[in-house]
């Protein structure tokens, strides 16, 4: 399954220092590019095992 929701390409996301953002890899999230748990239904429907990827921003030094 790929981009059936016609989400636009996103080259950037913003993640605050020290925080983690969960990024969608199933292309079905209603909050794309962020995960909303839609992969659970995708996995049940397709037998796949896709899930989000966590991206943690490092703290910047002053």
PDB file of N, CA and C in Angstrom:
ATOM      1  N   UNK A   1       0.860  -1.171   0.000  1.00  0.00           N
ATOM      2  CA  UNK A   1       0.000   0.000   0.000  1.00  0.00           C
ATOM      3  C   UNK A   1       0.903   1.231   0.000  1.00  0.00           C
ATOM      4  N   UNK A   2       0.577   2.188  -0.843  1.00  0.00           N
ATOM      5  CA  UNK A   2       1.357   3.412  -0.890  1.00  0.00           C
ATOM      6  C   UNK A   2       0.447   4.612  -0.704  1.00  0.00           C
ATOM      7  N   UNK A   3       0.810   5.736  -1.223  1.00  0.00           N
ATOM      8  CA  UNK A   3       0.132   7.011  -0.977  1.00  0.00           C
ATOM      9  C   UNK A   3      -1.256   7.076  -1.617  1.00  0.00           C
ATOM     10  N   UNK A   4      -2.197   6.278  -1.124  1.00  0.00           N
ATOM     11  CA  UNK A   4      -3.553   6.281  -1.679  1.00  0.00           C
ATOM     12  C   UNK A   4      -4.361   7.486  -1.217  1.00  0.00           C
ATOM     13  N   UNK A   5      -3.880   8.204  -0.209  1.00  0.00           N
ATOM     14  CA  UNK A   5      -4.571   9.394   0.299  1.00  0.00           C
ATOM     15  C   UNK A   5      -4.111  10.661  -0.417  1.00  0.00           C
ATOM     16  N   UNK A   6      -3.157  10.512  -1.341  1.00  0.00           N
ATOM     17  CA  UNK A   6      -2.601  11.647  -2.089  1.00  0.00           C
ATOM     18  C   UNK A   6      -2.030  12.736  -1.184  1.00  0.00           C
ATOM     19  N   UNK A   7      -1.323  12.318  -0.139  1.00  0.00           N
ATOM     20  CA  UNK A   7      -0.635  13.274   0.723  1.00  0.00           C
ATOM     21  C   UNK A   7       0.479  13.940  -0.071  1.00  0.00           C
ATOM     22  N   UNK A   8       0.683  15.235   0.117  1.00  0.00           N
ATOM     23  CA  UNK A   8       1.791  15.895  -0.579  1.00  0.00           C
ATOM     24  C   UNK A   8       3.131  15.431  -0.010  1.00  0.00           C
ATOM     25  N   UNK A   9       4.155  15.486  -0.841  1.00  0.00           N
ATOM     26  CA  UNK A   9       5.504  15.181  -0.355  1.00  0.00           C
ATOM     27  C   UNK A   9       5.894  16.210   0.692  1.00  0.00           C
ATOM     28  N   UNK A  10       6.561  15.762   1.724  1.00  0.00           N
ATOM     29  CA  UNK A  10       7.046  16.657   2.777  1.00  0.00           C
ATOM     30  C   UNK A  10       8.529  16.408   2.958  1.00  0.00           C
ATOM     31  N   UNK A  11       9.367  17.420   2.752  1.00  0.00           N
ATOM     32  CA  UNK A  11      10.793  17.214   2.974  1.00  0.00           C
ATOM     33  C   UNK A  11      11.217  17.590   4.379  1.00  0.00           C
ATOM     34  N   UNK A  12      10.382  18.327   5.107  1.00  0.00           N
ATOM     35  CA  UNK A  12      10.768  18.788   6.443  1.00  0.00           C
ATOM     36  C   UNK A  12       9.628  18.579   7.433  1.00  0.00           C
ATOM     37  N   UNK A  13      10.028  18.278   8.650  1.00  0.00           N
ATOM     38  CA  UNK A  13       9.106  18.304   9.782  1.00  0.00           C
ATOM     39  C   UNK A  13       9.822  19.065  10.881  1.00  0.00           C
ATOM     40  N   UNK A  14       9.072  19.601  11.803  1.00  0.00           N
ATOM     41  CA  UNK A  14       9.698  20.299  12.922  1.00  0.00           C
ATOM     42  C   UNK A  14       9.531  19.472  14.183  1.00  0.00           C
ATOM     43  N   UNK A  15      10.645  19.270  14.863  1.00  0.00           N
ATOM     44  CA  UNK A  15      10.657  18.534  16.124  1.00  0.00           C
ATOM     45  C   UNK A  15      11.400  19.396  17.126  1.00  0.00           C
ATOM     46  N   UNK A  16      10.746  19.727  18.218  1.00  0.00           N
ATOM     47  CA  UNK A  16      11.375  20.551  19.253  1.00  0.00           C
ATOM     48  C   UNK A  16      12.522  19.782  19.905  1.00  0.00           C
ATOM     49  N   UNK A  17      13.540  20.493  20.310  1.00  0.00           N
ATOM     50  CA  UNK A  17      14.711  19.888  20.949  1.00  0.00           C
ATOM     51  C   UNK A  17      14.293  19.016  22.126  1.00  0.00           C
ATOM     52  N   UNK A  18      14.808  17.801  22.152  1.00  0.00           N
ATOM     53  CA  UNK A  18      14.508  16.872  23.231  1.00  0.00           C
ATOM     54  C   UNK A  18      13.176  16.150  23.088  1.00  0.00           C
ATOM     55  N   UNK A  19      12.411  16.433  22.051  1.00  0.00           N
ATOM     56  CA  UNK A  19      11.100  15.808  21.832  1.00  0.00           C
ATOM     57  C   UNK A  19      11.200  14.751  20.738  1.00  0.00           C
ATOM     58  N   UNK A  20      10.216  13.847  20.703  1.00  0.00           N
ATOM     59  CA  UNK A  20      10.149  12.809  19.679  1.00  0.00           C
ATOM     60  C   UNK A  20       8.892  13.000  18.848  1.00  0.00           C
ATOM     61  N   UNK A  21       9.029  12.912  17.538  1.00  0.00           N
ATOM     62  CA  UNK A  21       7.890  12.941  16.619  1.00  0.00           C
ATOM     63  C   UNK A  21       7.769  11.550  16.000  1.00  0.00           C
ATOM     64  N   UNK A  22       6.544  11.048  15.913  1.00  0.00           N
ATOM     65  CA  UNK A  22       6.296   9.741  15.309  1.00  0.00           C
ATOM     66  C   UNK A  22       5.807   9.970  13.889  1.00  0.00           C
ATOM     67  N   UNK A  23       6.594   9.513  12.924  1.00  0.00           N
ATOM     68  CA  UNK A  23       6.362   9.780  11.514  1.00  0.00           C
ATOM     69  C   UNK A  23       5.696   8.571  10.849  1.00  0.00           C
ATOM     70  N   UNK A  24       4.616   8.851  10.116  1.00  0.00           N
ATOM     71  CA  UNK A  24       3.843   7.819   9.426  1.00  0.00           C
ATOM     72  C   UNK A  24       4.657   7.172   8.311  1.00  0.00           C
ATOM     73  N   UNK A  25       4.580   5.834   8.236  1.00  0.00           N
ATOM     74  CA  UNK A  25       5.202   5.111   7.126  1.00  0.00           C
ATOM     75  C   UNK A  25       4.181   4.301   6.341  1.00  0.00           C
ATOM     76  N   UNK A  26       2.891   4.346   6.742  1.00  0.00           N
ATOM     77  CA  UNK A  26       1.870   3.577   6.018  1.00  0.00           C
ATOM     78  C   UNK A  26       1.117   4.440   5.003  1.00  0.00           C
ATOM     79  N   UNK A  27       1.314   5.728   5.029  1.00  0.00           N
ATOM     80  CA  UNK A  27       0.687   6.712   4.129  1.00  0.00           C
ATOM     81  C   UNK A  27      -0.811   6.885   4.357  1.00  0.00           C
ATOM     82  N   UNK A  28      -1.374   6.356   5.425  1.00  0.00           N
ATOM     83  CA  UNK A  28      -2.816   6.437   5.625  1.00  0.00           C
ATOM     84  C   UNK A  28      -3.224   7.364   6.766  1.00  0.00           C
ATOM     85  N   UNK A  29      -2.275   7.980   7.435  1.00  0.00           N
ATOM     86  CA  UNK A  29      -2.564   8.836   8.586  1.00  0.00           C
ATOM     87  C   UNK A  29      -3.381  10.065   8.200  1.00  0.00           C
ATOM     88  N   UNK A  30      -4.373  10.372   9.008  1.00  0.00           N
ATOM     89  CA  UNK A  30      -5.142  11.602   8.831  1.00  0.00           C
ATOM     90  C   UNK A  30      -4.364  12.824   9.285  1.00  0.00           C
ATOM     91  N   UNK A  31      -3.246  12.611   9.981  1.00  0.00           N
ATOM     92  CA  UNK A  31      -2.390  13.709  10.454  1.00  0.00           C
ATOM     93  C   UNK A  31      -1.044  13.688   9.736  1.00  0.00           C
ATOM     94  N   UNK A  32      -0.992  13.093   8.544  1.00  0.00           N
ATOM     95  CA  UNK A  32       0.253  12.940   7.797  1.00  0.00           C
ATOM     96  C   UNK A  32       1.011  14.258   7.718  1.00  0.00           C
ATOM     97  N   UNK A  33       2.312  14.294   7.958  1.00  0.00           N
ATOM     98  CA  UNK A  33       3.236  13.167   7.999  1.00  0.00           C
ATOM     99  C   UNK A  33       3.377  12.510   9.367  1.00  0.00           C
ATOM    100  N   UNK A  34       2.575  12.927  10.334  1.00  0.00           N
ATOM    101  CA  UNK A  34       2.665  12.351  11.675  1.00  0.00           C
ATOM    102  C   UNK A  34       1.742  11.142  11.797  1.00  0.00           C
ATOM    103  N   UNK A  35       2.128  10.178  12.597  1.00  0.00           N
ATOM    104  CA  UNK A  35       1.358   8.958  12.802  1.00  0.00           C
ATOM    105  C   UNK A  35       0.106   9.235  13.632  1.00  0.00           C
ATOM    106  N   UNK A  36      -1.016   8.636  13.226  1.00  0.00           N
ATOM    107  CA  UNK A  36      -2.232   8.697  14.038  1.00  0.00           C
ATOM    108  C   UNK A  36      -2.739   7.295  14.388  1.00  0.00           C
ATOM    109  N   UNK A  37      -1.918   6.276  14.138  1.00  0.00           N
ATOM    110  CA  UNK A  37      -2.288   4.898  14.454  1.00  0.00           C
ATOM    111  C   UNK A  37      -2.983   4.160  13.320  1.00  0.00           C
ATOM    112  N   UNK A  38      -3.139   4.797  12.164  1.00  0.00           N
ATOM    113  CA  UNK A  38      -3.826   4.165  11.032  1.00  0.00           C
ATOM    114  C   UNK A  38      -3.145   2.882  10.572  1.00  0.00           C
ATOM    115  N   UNK A  39      -1.849   2.731  10.866  1.00  0.00           N
ATOM    116  CA  UNK A  39      -1.127   1.529  10.449  1.00  0.00           C
ATOM    117  C   UNK A  39      -1.722   0.265  11.063  1.00  0.00           C
ATOM    118  N   UNK A  40      -2.395   0.389  12.198  1.00  0.00           N
ATOM    119  CA  UNK A  40      -2.997  -0.800  12.825  1.00  0.00           C
ATOM    120  C   UNK A  40      -4.033  -1.430  11.900  1.00  0.00           C
ATOM    121  N   UNK A  41      -4.882  -0.603  11.286  1.00  0.00           N
ATOM    122  CA  UNK A  41      -5.885  -1.107  10.340  1.00  0.00           C
ATOM    123  C   UNK A  41      -5.209  -1.617   9.075  1.00  0.00           C
ATOM    124  N   UNK A  42      -4.212  -0.878   8.584  1.00  0.00           N
ATOM    125  CA  UNK A  42      -3.468  -1.315   7.395  1.00  0.00           C
ATOM    126  C   UNK A  42      -2.868  -2.694   7.651  1.00  0.00           C
ATOM    127  N   UNK A  43      -2.244  -2.877   8.797  1.00  0.00           N
ATOM    128  CA  UNK A  43      -1.628  -4.161   9.131  1.00  0.00           C
ATOM    129  C   UNK A  43      -2.670  -5.272   9.211  1.00  0.00           C
ATOM    130  N   UNK A  44      -3.823  -4.993   9.828  1.00  0.00           N
ATOM    131  CA  UNK A  44      -4.881  -5.995   9.941  1.00  0.00           C
ATOM    132  C   UNK A  44      -5.434  -6.363   8.563  1.00  0.00           C
ATOM    133  N   UNK A  45      -5.587  -5.362   7.699  1.00  0.00           N
ATOM    134  CA  UNK A  45      -6.157  -5.591   6.364  1.00  0.00           C
ATOM    135  C   UNK A  45      -5.191  -6.290   5.418  1.00  0.00           C
ATOM    136  N   UNK A  46      -3.895  -6.029   5.559  1.00  0.00           N
ATOM    137  CA  UNK A  46      -2.921  -6.516   4.577  1.00  0.00           C
ATOM    138  C   UNK A  46      -1.986  -7.597   5.106  1.00  0.00           C
ATOM    139  N   UNK A  47      -1.956  -7.791   6.428  1.00  0.00           N
ATOM    140  CA  UNK A  47      -1.013  -8.740   7.005  1.00  0.00           C
ATOM    141  C   UNK A  47       0.398  -8.181   7.095  1.00  0.00           C
ATOM    142  N   UNK A  48       0.524  -6.893   6.868  1.00  0.00           N
ATOM    143  CA  UNK A  48       1.825  -6.232   6.918  1.00  0.00           C
ATOM    144  C   UNK A  48       2.197  -5.944   8.374  1.00  0.00           C
ATOM    145  N   UNK A  49       3.378  -5.429   8.593  1.00  0.00           N
ATOM    146  CA  UNK A  49       3.845  -5.092   9.940  1.00  0.00           C
ATOM    147  C   UNK A  49       4.472  -3.711   9.957  1.00  0.00           C
ATOM    148  N   UNK A  50       3.911  -2.779   9.192  1.00  0.00           N
ATOM    149  CA  UNK A  50       4.461  -1.424   9.121  1.00  0.00           C
ATOM    150  C   UNK A  50       4.071  -0.640  10.375  1.00  0.00           C
ATOM    151  N   UNK A  51       4.916   0.260  10.775  1.00  0.00           N
ATOM    152  CA  UNK A  51       4.632   1.133  11.911  1.00  0.00           C
ATOM    153  C   UNK A  51       5.388   2.434  11.730  1.00  0.00           C
ATOM    154  N   UNK A  52       5.190   3.372  12.629  1.00  0.00           N
ATOM    155  CA  UNK A  52       5.843   4.670  12.496  1.00  0.00           C
ATOM    156  C   UNK A  52       7.325   4.592  12.856  1.00  0.00           C
ATOM    157  N   UNK A  53       8.025   5.633  12.514  1.00  0.00           N
ATOM    158  CA  UNK A  53       9.416   5.769  12.934  1.00  0.00           C
ATOM    159  C   UNK A  53       9.494   6.961  13.881  1.00  0.00           C
ATOM    160  N   UNK A  54      10.176   6.792  14.988  1.00  0.00           N
ATOM    161  CA  UNK A  54      10.345   7.874  15.957  1.00  0.00           C
ATOM    162  C   UNK A  54      11.594   8.681  15.644  1.00  0.00           C
ATOM    163  N   UNK A  55      11.429   9.986  15.570  1.00  0.00           N
ATOM    164  CA  UNK A  55      12.553  10.888  15.311  1.00  0.00           C
ATOM    165  C   UNK A  55      12.691  11.799  16.523  1.00  0.00           C
ATOM    166  N   UNK A  56      13.836  11.740  17.193  1.00  0.00           N
ATOM    167  CA  UNK A  56      14.076  12.560  18.373  1.00  0.00           C
ATOM    168  C   UNK A  56      15.104  13.628  18.044  1.00  0.00           C
ATOM    169  N   UNK A  57      14.742  14.860  18.323  1.00  0.00           N
ATOM    170  CA  UNK A  57      15.655  15.980  18.072  1.00  0.00           C
ATOM    171  C   UNK A  57      16.595  16.123  19.255  1.00  0.00           C
ATOM    172  N   UNK A  58      17.855  16.285  18.947  1.00  0.00           N
ATOM    173  CA  UNK A  58      18.836  16.511  19.997  1.00  0.00           C
ATOM    174  C   UNK A  58      18.721  17.923  20.540  1.00  0.00           C
ATOM    175  N   UNK A  59      19.218  18.108  21.736  1.00  0.00           N
ATOM    176  CA  UNK A  59      19.227  19.449  22.325  1.00  0.00           C
ATOM    177  C   UNK A  59      20.394  20.225  21.744  1.00  0.00           C
ATOM    178  N   UNK A  60      20.142  21.457  21.390  1.00  0.00           N
ATOM    179  CA  UNK A  60      21.209  22.282  20.833  1.00  0.00           C
ATOM    180  C   UNK A  60      21.956  22.974  21.959  1.00  0.00           C
ATOM    181  N   UNK A  61      23.227  23.201  21.730  1.00  0.00           N
ATOM    182  CA  UNK A  61      24.034  23.891  22.733  1.00  0.00           C
ATOM    183  C   UNK A  61      24.027  25.379  22.448  1.00  0.00           C
ATOM    184  N   UNK A  62      23.955  26.166  23.493  1.00  0.00           N
ATOM    185  CA  UNK A  62      23.917  27.625  23.336  1.00  0.00           C
ATOM    186  C   UNK A  62      25.284  28.187  23.069  1.00  0.00           C
TER     187      UNK A  62
END
